[in-house]
Amino acid sequence: MDNWEKETLHAAQKNGADFTVFFFTPMCGNCQMASRLVDMTQNVDNIHTTIAKVDLNYVPEIAQTLEITSVPALVKFKEGNPVDVSYKLHDVTAIFEFLYSE
């Protein structure tokens, strides 16, 4: 996963891209575990879904706009717009189900 800054996220939204963002904070133990699980999905993903990491400490206004209530969180964007959020990042299966659900 690439680390995105606020500007990169806004540019992807403006361009109408499809992507998923993994929101985290560095001191969150569950975030570290979930990050490894999300990385695992990228290693076996033949569809090559774009997943970026964003540290919520640097983008609190985005957390408020997207109504992110806790971390870790995955937010799916379609055509640049947020369409779904998941806080269920406890296993690879749950992450795959979220990534490939319509």
Protein backbone atom coordinates (compact mmCIF):
# COMPACT_ATOMS: atom_id res chain seq x y z
CA MET A 1 0.00 0.00 0.00
CA ASP A 2 1.19 3.47 -0.79
CA ASN A 3 0.91 6.22 1.80
CA TRP A 4 -1.23 9.04 0.47
CA GLU A 5 -1.26 12.62 1.63
CA LYS A 6 -4.42 14.72 1.67
CA GLU A 7 -3.60 16.18 -1.75
CA THR A 8 -3.26 12.75 -3.38
CA LEU A 9 -6.60 11.64 -1.95
CA HIS A 10 -8.32 14.80 -3.18
CA ALA A 11 -6.75 14.39 -6.64
CA ALA A 12 -7.99 10.78 -6.90
CA GLN A 13 -11.48 11.91 -5.89
CA LYS A 14 -11.43 14.78 -8.39
CA ASN A 15 -10.32 12.41 -11.17
CA GLY A 16 -13.25 10.09 -10.42
CA ALA A 17 -11.05 7.11 -9.62
CA ASP A 18 -12.10 3.82 -8.02
CA PHE A 19 -9.94 3.05 -4.98
CA THR A 20 -10.01 2.07 -1.32
CA VAL A 21 -8.36 3.91 1.54
CA PHE A 22 -7.07 2.27 4.71
CA PHE A 23 -7.34 4.88 7.46
CA PHE A 24 -5.13 4.32 10.51
CA THR A 25 -3.15 5.93 13.29
CA PRO A 26 0.44 4.84 13.97
CA MET A 27 -0.01 4.11 17.69
CA CYS A 28 -3.04 1.86 17.12
CA GLY A 29 -2.13 -1.81 17.64
CA ASN A 30 -5.20 -3.06 15.77
CA CYS A 31 -4.25 -0.78 12.87
CA GLN A 32 -0.83 -2.41 12.61
CA MET A 33 -2.38 -5.88 12.51
CA ALA A 34 -5.05 -4.81 10.01
CA SER A 35 -2.42 -3.17 7.81
CA ARG A 36 -0.60 -6.50 7.51
CA LEU A 37 -3.88 -8.24 6.61
CA VAL A 38 -4.71 -5.65 3.95
CA ASP A 39 -1.18 -6.04 2.57
CA MET A 40 -1.83 -9.78 2.32
CA THR A 41 -4.88 -9.14 0.16
CA GLN A 42 -2.71 -7.06 -2.16
CA ASN A 43 -0.18 -9.88 -2.47
CA VAL A 44 -2.79 -12.37 -3.70
CA ASP A 45 -5.10 -9.98 -5.52
CA ASN A 46 -5.18 -10.66 -9.27
CA ILE A 47 -7.54 -7.74 -9.85
CA HIS A 48 -5.02 -5.22 -8.51
CA THR A 49 -7.35 -3.06 -6.47
CA THR A 50 -5.81 0.29 -5.54
CA ILE A 51 -5.56 0.56 -1.77
CA ALA A 52 -3.87 3.55 -0.16
CA LYS A 53 -2.97 4.26 3.46
CA VAL A 54 -3.85 7.58 5.09
CA ASP A 55 -2.85 8.56 8.63
CA LEU A 56 -5.93 10.14 10.22
CA ASN A 57 -3.75 12.24 12.52
CA TYR A 58 -2.92 14.42 9.50
CA VAL A 59 -6.41 14.62 7.99
CA PRO A 60 -8.94 15.08 10.82
CA GLU A 61 -11.25 17.06 8.53
CA ILE A 62 -11.50 14.05 6.19
CA ALA A 63 -12.35 11.80 9.14
CA GLN A 64 -15.13 14.21 10.07
CA THR A 65 -16.43 14.53 6.50
CA LEU A 66 -16.48 10.75 5.98
CA GLU A 67 -17.84 10.21 9.50
CA ILE A 68 -15.07 7.76 10.40
CA THR A 69 -15.77 6.77 13.98
CA SER A 70 -12.75 4.58 14.71
CA VAL A 71 -9.60 3.11 13.24
CA PRO A 72 -8.65 0.99 11.48
CA ALA A 73 -11.17 1.66 8.73
CA LEU A 74 -11.44 0.86 5.04
CA VAL A 75 -13.39 3.29 2.87
CA LYS A 76 -14.30 2.29 -0.66
CA PHE A 77 -14.55 5.01 -3.32
CA LYS A 78 -16.30 4.61 -6.68
CA GLU A 79 -15.88 7.35 -9.26
CA GLY A 80 -14.22 9.44 -6.55
CA ASN A 81 -17.13 9.22 -4.12
CA PRO A 82 -17.17 7.30 -0.83
CA VAL A 83 -19.65 4.45 -1.10
CA ASP A 84 -18.94 2.10 1.80
CA VAL A 85 -16.94 1.83 5.02
CA SER A 86 -15.81 -1.20 7.01
CA TYR A 87 -14.38 -1.47 10.48
CA LYS A 88 -14.33 -5.29 10.29
CA LEU A 89 -10.67 -5.83 9.56
CA HIS A 90 -10.07 -8.80 11.86
CA ASP A 91 -9.29 -11.34 9.13
CA VAL A 92 -8.37 -11.55 5.46
CA THR A 93 -11.74 -13.03 4.49
CA ALA A 94 -13.64 -10.05 5.91
CA ILE A 95 -11.34 -7.68 4.03
CA PHE A 96 -11.76 -9.56 0.73
CA GLU A 97 -15.54 -9.59 1.17
CA PHE A 98 -15.55 -5.84 1.69
CA LEU A 99 -13.21 -5.11 -1.23
CA TYR A 100 -15.21 -7.16 -3.71
CA SER A 101 -18.75 -6.51 -2.52
CA GLU A 102 -20.87 -4.34 -4.80
